[in-house]
Amino acid sequence: MVEANQLKNDLFFPYSRLRDNQRITRLRIRKPSDEVIEVYERRAKEFKDNLGKEIEKEMNPDPLDALAPIEREYMERREAGEFQQDIRKEFGWSKDKATRLEKKLKKHGCIFKGAKSTFA
């Protein structure tokens, strides 16, 4: 048990009692060293930051991760500078299908400029 003295802004570690085979034993619990506290606080902060990032990633997944493999390949080839006409002919797509995919990609932040694309 740890008690806090708010007036002195200090922690108090009283003797703890442990019952062991009908015998009560006092345990001396001391405040950890400042080095241990510093390491603990740094690691606790890292843990909390990483946990927050993981939760945010799960709550707001990247919509481009949900692309089908062929859609991702299309996007990568457009980023590499290939023209829509060449890619859709190879995939056997109509112009309408390629245009719909590009609109979907633009909605998720992929901006095509001519044969090139950038992410906003």
PDB file of N, CA and C in Angstrom:
ATOM      1  N   MET A   1       0.843  -1.174   0.000  1.00  0.00           N
ATOM      2  CA  MET A   1       0.000   0.000   0.000  1.00  0.00           C
ATOM      3  C   MET A   1       0.890   1.240   0.000  1.00  0.00           C
ATOM      4  N   VAL A   2       0.534   2.181  -0.803  1.00  0.00           N
ATOM      5  CA  VAL A   2       1.275   3.436  -0.891  1.00  0.00           C
ATOM      6  C   VAL A   2       0.303   4.554  -0.570  1.00  0.00           C
ATOM      7  N   GLU A   3       0.745   5.450   0.267  1.00  0.00           N
ATOM      8  CA  GLU A   3      -0.084   6.593   0.611  1.00  0.00           C
ATOM      9  C   GLU A   3       0.587   7.857   0.107  1.00  0.00           C
ATOM     10  N   ALA A   4      -0.219   8.797  -0.333  1.00  0.00           N
ATOM     11  CA  ALA A   4       0.316  10.057  -0.848  1.00  0.00           C
ATOM     12  C   ALA A   4       0.062  11.180   0.155  1.00  0.00           C
ATOM     13  N   ASN A   5       1.099  11.962   0.432  1.00  0.00           N
ATOM     14  CA  ASN A   5       0.970  13.147   1.261  1.00  0.00           C
ATOM     15  C   ASN A   5       0.894  14.335   0.313  1.00  0.00           C
ATOM     16  N   GLN A   6      -0.313  14.847   0.120  1.00  0.00           N
ATOM     17  CA  GLN A   6      -0.513  15.907  -0.855  1.00  0.00           C
ATOM     18  C   GLN A   6       0.071  17.242  -0.406  1.00  0.00           C
ATOM     19  N   LEU A   7       0.160  17.463   0.887  1.00  0.00           N
ATOM     20  CA  LEU A   7       0.726  18.725   1.374  1.00  0.00           C
ATOM     21  C   LEU A   7       2.212  18.813   1.056  1.00  0.00           C
ATOM     22  N   LYS A   8       2.930  17.715   1.227  1.00  0.00           N
ATOM     23  CA  LYS A   8       4.371  17.695   0.982  1.00  0.00           C
ATOM     24  C   LYS A   8       4.711  17.185  -0.418  1.00  0.00           C
ATOM     25  N   ASN A   9       3.677  16.757  -1.175  1.00  0.00           N
ATOM     26  CA  ASN A   9       3.891  16.200  -2.504  1.00  0.00           C
ATOM     27  C   ASN A   9       4.885  15.040  -2.441  1.00  0.00           C
ATOM     28  N   ASP A  10       4.603  14.090  -1.568  1.00  0.00           N
ATOM     29  CA  ASP A  10       5.523  12.993  -1.315  1.00  0.00           C
ATOM     30  C   ASP A  10       4.729  11.699  -1.191  1.00  0.00           C
ATOM     31  N   LEU A  11       5.406  10.591  -1.392  1.00  0.00           N
ATOM     32  CA  LEU A  11       4.793   9.279  -1.233  1.00  0.00           C
ATOM     33  C   LEU A  11       5.255   8.656   0.071  1.00  0.00           C
ATOM     34  N   PHE A  12       4.371   7.931   0.717  1.00  0.00           N
ATOM     35  CA  PHE A  12       4.687   7.272   1.971  1.00  0.00           C
ATOM     36  C   PHE A  12       4.487   5.779   1.770  1.00  0.00           C
ATOM     37  N   PHE A  13       5.528   5.010   2.066  1.00  0.00           N
ATOM     38  CA  PHE A  13       5.484   3.563   1.919  1.00  0.00           C
ATOM     39  C   PHE A  13       5.498   2.928   3.315  1.00  0.00           C
ATOM     40  N   PRO A  14       4.319   2.702   3.900  1.00  0.00           N
ATOM     41  CA  PRO A  14       4.286   2.122   5.240  1.00  0.00           C
ATOM     42  C   PRO A  14       4.691   0.651   5.200  1.00  0.00           C
ATOM     43  N   TYR A  15       4.919   0.108   6.357  1.00  0.00           N
ATOM     44  CA  TYR A  15       5.238  -1.316   6.440  1.00  0.00           C
ATOM     45  C   TYR A  15       4.020  -2.116   6.004  1.00  0.00           C
ATOM     46  N   SER A  16       4.224  -3.042   5.129  1.00  0.00           N
ATOM     47  CA  SER A  16       3.140  -3.937   4.730  1.00  0.00           C
ATOM     48  C   SER A  16       3.227  -5.183   5.592  1.00  0.00           C
ATOM     49  N   ARG A  17       2.120  -5.810   5.789  1.00  0.00           N
ATOM     50  CA  ARG A  17       2.088  -7.012   6.609  1.00  0.00           C
ATOM     51  C   ARG A  17       1.688  -8.193   5.735  1.00  0.00           C
ATOM     52  N   LEU A  18       2.383  -9.277   5.935  1.00  0.00           N
ATOM     53  CA  LEU A  18       2.143 -10.487   5.178  1.00  0.00           C
ATOM     54  C   LEU A  18       1.879 -11.619   6.150  1.00  0.00           C
ATOM     55  N   ARG A  19       0.792 -12.314   5.968  1.00  0.00           N
ATOM     56  CA  ARG A  19       0.451 -13.438   6.840  1.00  0.00           C
ATOM     57  C   ARG A  19       1.062 -14.692   6.237  1.00  0.00           C
ATOM     58  N   ASP A  20       1.940 -15.330   6.995  1.00  0.00           N
ATOM     59  CA  ASP A  20       2.653 -16.509   6.522  1.00  0.00           C
ATOM     60  C   ASP A  20       2.582 -17.585   7.600  1.00  0.00           C
ATOM     61  N   ASN A  21       1.787 -18.621   7.379  1.00  0.00           N
ATOM     62  CA  ASN A  21       1.630 -19.713   8.342  1.00  0.00           C
ATOM     63  C   ASN A  21       1.316 -19.203   9.749  1.00  0.00           C
ATOM     64  N   GLN A  22       0.304 -18.414   9.831  1.00  0.00           N
ATOM     65  CA  GLN A  22      -0.167 -17.857  11.104  1.00  0.00           C
ATOM     66  C   GLN A  22       0.837 -16.916  11.755  1.00  0.00           C
ATOM     67  N   ARG A  23       1.826 -16.472  11.015  1.00  0.00           N
ATOM     68  CA  ARG A  23       2.793 -15.521  11.536  1.00  0.00           C
ATOM     69  C   ARG A  23       2.707 -14.259  10.681  1.00  0.00           C
ATOM     70  N   ILE A  24       2.709 -13.126  11.305  1.00  0.00           N
ATOM     71  CA  ILE A  24       2.639 -11.868  10.562  1.00  0.00           C
ATOM     72  C   ILE A  24       4.056 -11.330  10.412  1.00  0.00           C
ATOM     73  N   THR A  25       4.415 -11.082   9.196  1.00  0.00           N
ATOM     74  CA  THR A  25       5.760 -10.599   8.893  1.00  0.00           C
ATOM     75  C   THR A  25       5.659  -9.206   8.301  1.00  0.00           C
ATOM     76  N   ARG A  26       6.539  -8.331   8.715  1.00  0.00           N
ATOM     77  CA  ARG A  26       6.590  -6.988   8.154  1.00  0.00           C
ATOM     78  C   ARG A  26       7.495  -6.990   6.926  1.00  0.00           C
ATOM     79  N   LEU A  27       7.014  -6.364   5.904  1.00  0.00           N
ATOM     80  CA  LEU A  27       7.818  -6.203   4.697  1.00  0.00           C
ATOM     81  C   LEU A  27       8.204  -4.742   4.561  1.00  0.00           C
ATOM     82  N   ARG A  28       9.469  -4.505   4.377  1.00  0.00           N
ATOM     83  CA  ARG A  28       9.907  -3.122   4.160  1.00  0.00           C
ATOM     84  C   ARG A  28       9.888  -2.841   2.661  1.00  0.00           C
ATOM     85  N   ILE A  29       9.055  -1.921   2.301  1.00  0.00           N
ATOM     86  CA  ILE A  29       8.955  -1.534   0.893  1.00  0.00           C
ATOM     87  C   ILE A  29       9.434  -0.098   0.790  1.00  0.00           C
ATOM     88  N   ARG A  30      10.461   0.078   0.006  1.00  0.00           N
ATOM     89  CA  ARG A  30      11.029   1.412  -0.145  1.00  0.00           C
ATOM     90  C   ARG A  30      10.683   1.976  -1.515  1.00  0.00           C
ATOM     91  N   LYS A  31      10.780   3.259  -1.598  1.00  0.00           N
ATOM     92  CA  LYS A  31      10.567   3.936  -2.868  1.00  0.00           C
ATOM     93  C   LYS A  31      11.675   3.510  -3.832  1.00  0.00           C
ATOM     94  N   PRO A  32      11.334   3.195  -5.101  1.00  0.00           N
ATOM     95  CA  PRO A  32      12.372   2.833  -6.063  1.00  0.00           C
ATOM     96  C   PRO A  32      13.319   4.006  -6.306  1.00  0.00           C
ATOM     97  N   SER A  33      14.511   3.695  -6.769  1.00  0.00           N
ATOM     98  CA  SER A  33      15.486   4.755  -7.032  1.00  0.00           C
ATOM     99  C   SER A  33      14.985   5.648  -8.166  1.00  0.00           C
ATOM    100  N   ASP A  34      15.523   6.858  -8.226  1.00  0.00           N
ATOM    101  CA  ASP A  34      15.124   7.804  -9.271  1.00  0.00           C
ATOM    102  C   ASP A  34      15.429   7.258 -10.665  1.00  0.00           C
ATOM    103  N   GLU A  35      16.515   6.505 -10.804  1.00  0.00           N
ATOM    104  CA  GLU A  35      16.860   5.920 -12.105  1.00  0.00           C
ATOM    105  C   GLU A  35      15.791   4.925 -12.542  1.00  0.00           C
ATOM    106  N   VAL A  36      15.336   4.086 -11.616  1.00  0.00           N
ATOM    107  CA  VAL A  36      14.307   3.094 -11.932  1.00  0.00           C
ATOM    108  C   VAL A  36      13.005   3.809 -12.297  1.00  0.00           C
ATOM    109  N   ILE A  37      12.668   4.829 -11.562  1.00  0.00           N
ATOM    110  CA  ILE A  37      11.448   5.590 -11.838  1.00  0.00           C
ATOM    111  C   ILE A  37      11.532   6.238 -13.216  1.00  0.00           C
ATOM    112  N   GLU A  38      12.680   6.803 -13.541  1.00  0.00           N
ATOM    113  CA  GLU A  38      12.864   7.456 -14.842  1.00  0.00           C
ATOM    114  C   GLU A  38      12.701   6.452 -15.992  1.00  0.00           C
ATOM    115  N   VAL A  39      13.338   5.284 -15.854  1.00  0.00           N
ATOM    116  CA  VAL A  39      13.227   4.253 -16.887  1.00  0.00           C
ATOM    117  C   VAL A  39      11.774   3.794 -17.011  1.00  0.00           C
ATOM    118  N   TYR A  40      11.123   3.570 -15.875  1.00  0.00           N
ATOM    119  CA  TYR A  40       9.725   3.139 -15.883  1.00  0.00           C
ATOM    120  C   TYR A  40       8.843   4.160 -16.588  1.00  0.00           C
ATOM    121  N   GLU A  41       9.002   5.425 -16.242  1.00  0.00           N
ATOM    122  CA  GLU A  41       8.159   6.468 -16.833  1.00  0.00           C
ATOM    123  C   GLU A  41       8.391   6.590 -18.337  1.00  0.00           C
ATOM    124  N   ARG A  42       9.657   6.460 -18.769  1.00  0.00           N
ATOM    125  CA  ARG A  42       9.965   6.542 -20.195  1.00  0.00           C
ATOM    126  C   ARG A  42       9.310   5.371 -20.944  1.00  0.00           C
ATOM    127  N   ARG A  43       9.446   4.166 -20.397  1.00  0.00           N
ATOM    128  CA  ARG A  43       8.856   2.998 -21.048  1.00  0.00           C
ATOM    129  C   ARG A  43       7.330   3.043 -21.016  1.00  0.00           C
ATOM    130  N   ALA A  44       6.778   3.552 -19.927  1.00  0.00           N
ATOM    131  CA  ALA A  44       5.323   3.678 -19.840  1.00  0.00           C
ATOM    132  C   ALA A  44       4.812   4.658 -20.899  1.00  0.00           C
ATOM    133  N   LYS A  45       5.537   5.755 -21.096  1.00  0.00           N
ATOM    134  CA  LYS A  45       5.156   6.737 -22.112  1.00  0.00           C
ATOM    135  C   LYS A  45       5.240   6.122 -23.508  1.00  0.00           C
ATOM    136  N   GLU A  46       6.315   5.381 -23.795  1.00  0.00           N
ATOM    137  CA  GLU A  46       6.454   4.719 -25.098  1.00  0.00           C
ATOM    138  C   GLU A  46       5.299   3.745 -25.323  1.00  0.00           C
ATOM    139  N   PHE A  47       4.975   2.976 -24.291  1.00  0.00           N
ATOM    140  CA  PHE A  47       3.882   2.013 -24.394  1.00  0.00           C
ATOM    141  C   PHE A  47       2.563   2.715 -24.698  1.00  0.00           C
ATOM    142  N   LYS A  48       2.281   3.787 -23.954  1.00  0.00           N
ATOM    143  CA  LYS A  48       1.034   4.516 -24.155  1.00  0.00           C
ATOM    144  C   LYS A  48       0.974   5.136 -25.549  1.00  0.00           C
ATOM    145  N   ASP A  49       2.089   5.706 -26.010  1.00  0.00           N
ATOM    146  CA  ASP A  49       2.125   6.304 -27.347  1.00  0.00           C
ATOM    147  C   ASP A  49       1.884   5.251 -28.419  1.00  0.00           C
ATOM    148  N   ASN A  50       2.575   4.108 -28.306  1.00  0.00           N
ATOM    149  CA  ASN A  50       2.404   3.039 -29.291  1.00  0.00           C
ATOM    150  C   ASN A  50       0.995   2.474 -29.250  1.00  0.00           C
ATOM    151  N   LEU A  51       0.444   2.332 -28.059  1.00  0.00           N
ATOM    152  CA  LEU A  51      -0.917   1.828 -27.922  1.00  0.00           C
ATOM    153  C   LEU A  51      -1.897   2.783 -28.594  1.00  0.00           C
ATOM    154  N   GLY A  52      -1.688   4.075 -28.379  1.00  0.00           N
ATOM    155  CA  GLY A  52      -2.552   5.074 -29.008  1.00  0.00           C
ATOM    156  C   GLY A  52      -2.476   5.013 -30.522  1.00  0.00           C
ATOM    157  N   LYS A  53      -1.274   4.843 -31.060  1.00  0.00           N
ATOM    158  CA  LYS A  53      -1.110   4.745 -32.515  1.00  0.00           C
ATOM    159  C   LYS A  53      -1.777   3.495 -33.062  1.00  0.00           C
ATOM    160  N   GLU A  54      -1.642   2.373 -32.349  1.00  0.00           N
ATOM    161  CA  GLU A  54      -2.265   1.132 -32.799  1.00  0.00           C
ATOM    162  C   GLU A  54      -3.787   1.242 -32.791  1.00  0.00           C
ATOM    163  N   ILE A  55      -4.322   1.848 -31.743  1.00  0.00           N
ATOM    164  CA  ILE A  55      -5.776   2.011 -31.655  1.00  0.00           C
ATOM    165  C   ILE A  55      -6.269   2.927 -32.761  1.00  0.00           C
ATOM    166  N   GLU A  56      -5.541   4.017 -33.002  1.00  0.00           N
ATOM    167  CA  GLU A  56      -5.930   4.939 -34.067  1.00  0.00           C
ATOM    168  C   GLU A  56      -5.905   4.245 -35.426  1.00  0.00           C
ATOM    169  N   LYS A  57      -4.886   3.407 -35.640  1.00  0.00           N
ATOM    170  CA  LYS A  57      -4.776   2.684 -36.904  1.00  0.00           C
ATOM    171  C   LYS A  57      -5.941   1.712 -37.074  1.00  0.00           C
ATOM    172  N   GLU A  58      -6.346   1.043 -35.992  1.00  0.00           N
ATOM    173  CA  GLU A  58      -7.470   0.122 -36.062  1.00  0.00           C
ATOM    174  C   GLU A  58      -8.795   0.854 -36.252  1.00  0.00           C
ATOM    175  N   MET A  59      -8.915   2.028 -35.638  1.00  0.00           N
ATOM    176  CA  MET A  59     -10.157   2.787 -35.748  1.00  0.00           C
ATOM    177  C   MET A  59     -10.283   3.486 -37.100  1.00  0.00           C
ATOM    178  N   ASN A  60      -9.154   3.877 -37.697  1.00  0.00           N
ATOM    179  CA  ASN A  60      -9.140   4.581 -38.977  1.00  0.00           C
ATOM    180  C   ASN A  60      -8.214   3.857 -39.948  1.00  0.00           C
ATOM    181  N   PRO A  61      -8.629   2.702 -40.465  1.00  0.00           N
ATOM    182  CA  PRO A  61      -7.747   1.960 -41.361  1.00  0.00           C
ATOM    183  C   PRO A  61      -7.520   2.721 -42.666  1.00  0.00           C
ATOM    184  N   ASP A  62      -6.389   2.477 -43.285  1.00  0.00           N
ATOM    185  CA  ASP A  62      -6.063   3.102 -44.560  1.00  0.00           C
ATOM    186  C   ASP A  62      -6.958   2.488 -45.629  1.00  0.00           C
ATOM    187  N   PRO A  63      -7.785   3.291 -46.313  1.00  0.00           N
ATOM    188  CA  PRO A  63      -8.700   2.725 -47.307  1.00  0.00           C
ATOM    189  C   PRO A  63      -7.970   2.071 -48.476  1.00  0.00           C
ATOM    190  N   LEU A  64      -6.734   2.484 -48.745  1.00  0.00           N
ATOM    191  CA  LEU A  64      -5.991   1.880 -49.849  1.00  0.00           C
ATOM    192  C   LEU A  64      -5.558   0.451 -49.522  1.00  0.00           C
ATOM    193  N   ASP A  65      -5.545   0.086 -48.224  1.00  0.00           N
ATOM    194  CA  ASP A  65      -5.220  -1.290 -47.850  1.00  0.00           C
ATOM    195  C   ASP A  65      -6.329  -2.257 -48.273  1.00  0.00           C
ATOM    196  N   ALA A  66      -7.536  -1.737 -48.487  1.00  0.00           N
ATOM    197  CA  ALA A  66      -8.672  -2.580 -48.845  1.00  0.00           C
ATOM    198  C   ALA A  66      -8.761  -2.823 -50.352  1.00  0.00           C
ATOM    199  N   LEU A  67      -7.824  -2.291 -51.104  1.00  0.00           N
ATOM    200  CA  LEU A  67      -7.852  -2.486 -52.553  1.00  0.00           C
ATOM    201  C   LEU A  67      -7.570  -3.935 -52.918  1.00  0.00           C
ATOM    202  N   ALA A  68      -8.229  -4.387 -53.977  1.00  0.00           N
ATOM    203  CA  ALA A  68      -7.940  -5.714 -54.517  1.00  0.00           C
ATOM    204  C   ALA A  68      -6.545  -5.677 -55.144  1.00  0.00           C
ATOM    205  N   PRO A  69      -5.879  -6.824 -55.234  1.00  0.00           N
ATOM    206  CA  PRO A  69      -4.521  -6.832 -55.808  1.00  0.00           C
ATOM    207  C   PRO A  69      -4.436  -6.221 -57.205  1.00  0.00           C
ATOM    208  N   ILE A  70      -5.443  -6.453 -58.032  1.00  0.00           N
ATOM    209  CA  ILE A  70      -5.386  -5.897 -59.383  1.00  0.00           C
ATOM    210  C   ILE A  70      -5.573  -4.378 -59.355  1.00  0.00           C
ATOM    211  N   GLU A  71      -6.387  -3.896 -58.420  1.00  0.00           N
ATOM    212  CA  GLU A  71      -6.562  -2.441 -58.275  1.00  0.00           C
ATOM    213  C   GLU A  71      -5.271  -1.801 -57.774  1.00  0.00           C
ATOM    214  N   ARG A  72      -4.602  -2.464 -56.849  1.00  0.00           N
ATOM    215  CA  ARG A  72      -3.327  -1.948 -56.345  1.00  0.00           C
ATOM    216  C   ARG A  72      -2.285  -1.927 -57.460  1.00  0.00           C
ATOM    217  N   GLU A  73      -2.264  -2.981 -58.279  1.00  0.00           N
ATOM    218  CA  GLU A  73      -1.319  -3.015 -59.395  1.00  0.00           C
ATOM    219  C   GLU A  73      -1.605  -1.881 -60.372  1.00  0.00           C
ATOM    220  N   TYR A  74      -2.890  -1.646 -60.634  1.00  0.00           N
ATOM    221  CA  TYR A  74      -3.280  -0.537 -61.505  1.00  0.00           C
ATOM    222  C   TYR A  74      -2.755   0.782 -60.957  1.00  0.00           C
ATOM    223  N   MET A  75      -2.974   1.008 -59.661  1.00  0.00           N
ATOM    224  CA  MET A  75      -2.534   2.254 -59.039  1.00  0.00           C
ATOM    225  C   MET A  75      -1.008   2.391 -59.120  1.00  0.00           C
ATOM    226  N   GLU A  76      -0.284   1.310 -58.826  1.00  0.00           N
ATOM    227  CA  GLU A  76       1.178   1.367 -58.856  1.00  0.00           C
ATOM    228  C   GLU A  76       1.695   1.646 -60.262  1.00  0.00           C
ATOM    229  N   ARG A  77       1.054   1.046 -61.265  1.00  0.00           N
ATOM    230  CA  ARG A  77       1.496   1.287 -62.637  1.00  0.00           C
ATOM    231  C   ARG A  77       1.194   2.713 -63.078  1.00  0.00           C
ATOM    232  N   ARG A  78       0.071   3.252 -62.609  1.00  0.00           N
ATOM    233  CA  ARG A  78      -0.249   4.657 -62.929  1.00  0.00           C
ATOM    234  C   ARG A  78       0.756   5.583 -62.248  1.00  0.00           C
ATOM    235  N   GLU A  79       1.138   5.240 -61.020  1.00  0.00           N
ATOM    236  CA  GLU A  79       2.145   6.036 -60.319  1.00  0.00           C
ATOM    237  C   GLU A  79       3.482   5.981 -61.046  1.00  0.00           C
ATOM    238  N   ALA A  80       3.779   4.843 -61.667  1.00  0.00           N
ATOM    239  CA  ALA A  80       5.048   4.677 -62.380  1.00  0.00           C
ATOM    240  C   ALA A  80       5.065   5.441 -63.699  1.00  0.00           C
ATOM    241  N   GLY A  81       3.908   5.963 -64.115  1.00  0.00           N
ATOM    242  CA  GLY A  81       3.877   6.795 -65.305  1.00  0.00           C
ATOM    243  C   GLY A  81       3.206   6.173 -66.512  1.00  0.00           C
ATOM    244  N   GLU A  82       2.628   4.983 -66.350  1.00  0.00           N
ATOM    245  CA  GLU A  82       1.944   4.357 -67.480  1.00  0.00           C
ATOM    246  C   GLU A  82       0.601   5.046 -67.720  1.00  0.00           C
ATOM    247  N   PHE A  83       0.172   5.030 -68.947  1.00  0.00           N
ATOM    248  CA  PHE A  83      -1.095   5.656 -69.298  1.00  0.00           C
ATOM    249  C   PHE A  83      -2.256   4.711 -69.021  1.00  0.00           C
ATOM    250  N   GLN A  84      -3.399   5.311 -68.711  1.00  0.00           N
ATOM    251  CA  GLN A  84      -4.602   4.535 -68.400  1.00  0.00           C
ATOM    252  C   GLN A  84      -4.962   3.608 -69.553  1.00  0.00           C
ATOM    253  N   GLN A  85      -4.877   4.102 -70.770  1.00  0.00           N
ATOM    254  CA  GLN A  85      -5.265   3.325 -71.946  1.00  0.00           C
ATOM    255  C   GLN A  85      -4.441   2.039 -72.064  1.00  0.00           C
ATOM    256  N   ASP A  86      -3.130   2.132 -71.841  1.00  0.00           N
ATOM    257  CA  ASP A  86      -2.260   0.953 -71.952  1.00  0.00           C
ATOM    258  C   ASP A  86      -2.586  -0.083 -70.877  1.00  0.00           C
ATOM    259  N   ILE A  87      -2.807   0.386 -69.659  1.00  0.00           N
ATOM    260  CA  ILE A  87      -3.069  -0.532 -68.546  1.00  0.00           C
ATOM    261  C   ILE A  87      -4.413  -1.225 -68.730  1.00  0.00           C
ATOM    262  N   ARG A  88      -5.451  -0.463 -69.073  1.00  0.00           N
ATOM    263  CA  ARG A  88      -6.783  -1.072 -69.190  1.00  0.00           C
ATOM    264  C   ARG A  88      -6.858  -2.047 -70.361  1.00  0.00           C
ATOM    265  N   LYS A  89      -6.108  -1.801 -71.416  1.00  0.00           N
ATOM    266  CA  LYS A  89      -6.082  -2.758 -72.528  1.00  0.00           C
ATOM    267  C   LYS A  89      -5.463  -4.077 -72.069  1.00  0.00           C
ATOM    268  N   GLU A  90      -4.386  -3.990 -71.282  1.00  0.00           N
ATOM    269  CA  GLU A  90      -3.725  -5.193 -70.783  1.00  0.00           C
ATOM    270  C   GLU A  90      -4.629  -5.965 -69.815  1.00  0.00           C
ATOM    271  N   PHE A  91      -5.401  -5.230 -68.987  1.00  0.00           N
ATOM    272  CA  PHE A  91      -6.297  -5.871 -68.024  1.00  0.00           C
ATOM    273  C   PHE A  91      -7.606  -6.311 -68.657  1.00  0.00           C
ATOM    274  N   GLY A  92      -7.895  -5.815 -69.873  1.00  0.00           N
ATOM    275  CA  GLY A  92      -9.162  -6.142 -70.527  1.00  0.00           C
ATOM    276  C   GLY A  92     -10.322  -5.375 -69.932  1.00  0.00           C
ATOM    277  N   TRP A  93     -10.065  -4.183 -69.442  1.00  0.00           N
ATOM    278  CA  TRP A  93     -11.094  -3.354 -68.824  1.00  0.00           C
ATOM    279  C   TRP A  93     -11.646  -2.360 -69.831  1.00  0.00           C
ATOM    280  N   SER A  94     -12.881  -1.938 -69.566  1.00  0.00           N
ATOM    281  CA  SER A  94     -13.461  -0.857 -70.359  1.00  0.00           C
ATOM    282  C   SER A  94     -12.942   0.467 -69.799  1.00  0.00           C
ATOM    283  N   LYS A  95     -13.121   1.515 -70.611  1.00  0.00           N
ATOM    284  CA  LYS A  95     -12.689   2.836 -70.152  1.00  0.00           C
ATOM    285  C   LYS A  95     -13.483   3.246 -68.914  1.00  0.00           C
ATOM    286  N   ASP A  96     -14.765   2.868 -68.886  1.00  0.00           N
ATOM    287  CA  ASP A  96     -15.633   3.213 -67.761  1.00  0.00           C
ATOM    288  C   ASP A  96     -15.132   2.583 -66.455  1.00  0.00           C
ATOM    289  N   LYS A  97     -14.709   1.323 -66.530  1.00  0.00           N
ATOM    290  CA  LYS A  97     -14.224   0.641 -65.314  1.00  0.00           C
ATOM    291  C   LYS A  97     -12.957   1.297 -64.788  1.00  0.00           C
ATOM    292  N   ALA A  98     -12.034   1.645 -65.690  1.00  0.00           N
ATOM    293  CA  ALA A  98     -10.796   2.309 -65.264  1.00  0.00           C
ATOM    294  C   ALA A  98     -11.087   3.690 -64.686  1.00  0.00           C
ATOM    295  N   THR A  99     -12.035   4.393 -65.285  1.00  0.00           N
ATOM    296  CA  THR A  99     -12.403   5.726 -64.791  1.00  0.00           C
ATOM    297  C   THR A  99     -13.034   5.633 -63.405  1.00  0.00           C
ATOM    298  N   ARG A 100     -13.909   4.633 -63.200  1.00  0.00           N
ATOM    299  CA  ARG A 100     -14.525   4.446 -61.873  1.00  0.00           C
ATOM    300  C   ARG A 100     -13.467   4.146 -60.811  1.00  0.00           C
ATOM    301  N   LEU A 101     -12.482   3.309 -61.164  1.00  0.00           N
ATOM    302  CA  LEU A 101     -11.408   2.987 -60.216  1.00  0.00           C
ATOM    303  C   LEU A 101     -10.596   4.239 -59.890  1.00  0.00           C
ATOM    304  N   GLU A 102     -10.306   5.051 -60.906  1.00  0.00           N
ATOM    305  CA  GLU A 102      -9.541   6.276 -60.642  1.00  0.00           C
ATOM    306  C   GLU A 102     -10.333   7.229 -59.757  1.00  0.00           C
ATOM    307  N   LYS A 103     -11.634   7.312 -59.937  1.00  0.00           N
ATOM    308  CA  LYS A 103     -12.465   8.150 -59.060  1.00  0.00           C
ATOM    309  C   LYS A 103     -12.411   7.631 -57.626  1.00  0.00           C
ATOM    310  N   LYS A 104     -12.451   6.302 -57.490  1.00  0.00           N
ATOM    311  CA  LYS A 104     -12.365   5.687 -56.157  1.00  0.00           C
ATOM    312  C   LYS A 104     -11.017   6.019 -55.512  1.00  0.00           C
ATOM    313  N   LEU A 105      -9.952   5.911 -56.278  1.00  0.00           N
ATOM    314  CA  LEU A 105      -8.620   6.207 -55.756  1.00  0.00           C
ATOM    315  C   LEU A 105      -8.485   7.683 -55.391  1.00  0.00           C
ATOM    316  N   LYS A 106      -9.041   8.565 -56.229  1.00  0.00           N
ATOM    317  CA  LYS A 106      -8.993  10.007 -55.943  1.00  0.00           C
ATOM    318  C   LYS A 106      -9.764  10.330 -54.666  1.00  0.00           C
ATOM    319  N   LYS A 107     -10.875   9.625 -54.462  1.00  0.00           N
ATOM    320  CA  LYS A 107     -11.684   9.826 -53.246  1.00  0.00           C
ATOM    321  C   LYS A 107     -10.865   9.504 -51.993  1.00  0.00           C
ATOM    322  N   HIS A 108      -9.926   8.540 -52.125  1.00  0.00           N
ATOM    323  CA  HIS A 108      -9.086   8.142 -50.997  1.00  0.00           C
ATOM    324  C   HIS A 108      -7.758   8.880 -50.962  1.00  0.00           C
ATOM    325  N   GLY A 109      -7.606   9.905 -51.807  1.00  0.00           N
ATOM    326  CA  GLY A 109      -6.427  10.760 -51.705  1.00  0.00           C
ATOM    327  C   GLY A 109      -5.365  10.545 -52.762  1.00  0.00           C
ATOM    328  N   CYS A 110      -5.571   9.679 -53.712  1.00  0.00           N
ATOM    329  CA  CYS A 110      -4.602   9.466 -54.789  1.00  0.00           C
ATOM    330  C   CYS A 110      -4.975  10.397 -55.931  1.00  0.00           C
ATOM    331  N   ILE A 111      -4.064  11.282 -56.323  1.00  0.00           N
ATOM    332  CA  ILE A 111      -4.340  12.258 -57.367  1.00  0.00           C
ATOM    333  C   ILE A 111      -3.465  11.948 -58.568  1.00  0.00           C
ATOM    334  N   PHE A 112      -4.112  11.706 -59.712  1.00  0.00           N
ATOM    335  CA  PHE A 112      -3.371  11.419 -60.940  1.00  0.00           C
ATOM    336  C   PHE A 112      -3.217  12.706 -61.734  1.00  0.00           C
ATOM    337  N   LYS A 113      -1.997  12.987 -62.145  1.00  0.00           N
ATOM    338  CA  LYS A 113      -1.717  14.154 -62.985  1.00  0.00           C
ATOM    339  C   LYS A 113      -1.153  13.627 -64.288  1.00  0.00           C
ATOM    340  N   GLY A 114      -1.974  13.624 -65.323  1.00  0.00           N
ATOM    341  CA  GLY A 114      -1.536  13.050 -66.587  1.00  0.00           C
ATOM    342  C   GLY A 114      -1.284  11.575 -66.381  1.00  0.00           C
ATOM    343  N   ALA A 115      -0.064  11.158 -66.683  1.00  0.00           N
ATOM    344  CA  ALA A 115       0.291   9.758 -66.485  1.00  0.00           C
ATOM    345  C   ALA A 115       0.859   9.535 -65.095  1.00  0.00           C
ATOM    346  N   LYS A 116       1.116  10.594 -64.357  1.00  0.00           N
ATOM    347  CA  LYS A 116       1.709  10.487 -63.023  1.00  0.00           C
ATOM    348  C   LYS A 116       0.632  10.636 -61.962  1.00  0.00           C
ATOM    349  N   SER A 117       0.911  10.214 -60.755  1.00  0.00           N
ATOM    350  CA  SER A 117      -0.013  10.415 -59.649  1.00  0.00           C
ATOM    351  C   SER A 117       0.768  10.792 -58.407  1.00  0.00           C
ATOM    352  N   THR A 118       0.087  11.470 -57.515  1.00  0.00           N
ATOM    353  CA  THR A 118       0.681  11.802 -56.221  1.00  0.00           C
ATOM    354  C   THR A 118      -0.384  11.611 -55.172  1.00  0.00           C
ATOM    355  N   PHE A 119       0.058  11.457 -53.933  1.00  0.00           N
ATOM    356  CA  PHE A 119      -0.886  11.352 -52.834  1.00  0.00           C
ATOM    357  C   PHE A 119      -0.976  12.677 -52.129  1.00  0.00           C
ATOM    358  N   ALA A 120      -2.221  13.090 -51.871  1.00  0.00           N
ATOM    359  CA  ALA A 120      -2.434  14.368 -51.183  1.00  0.00           C
ATOM    360  C   ALA A 120      -2.179  14.218 -49.707  1.00  0.00           C
TER     361      ALA A 120
END
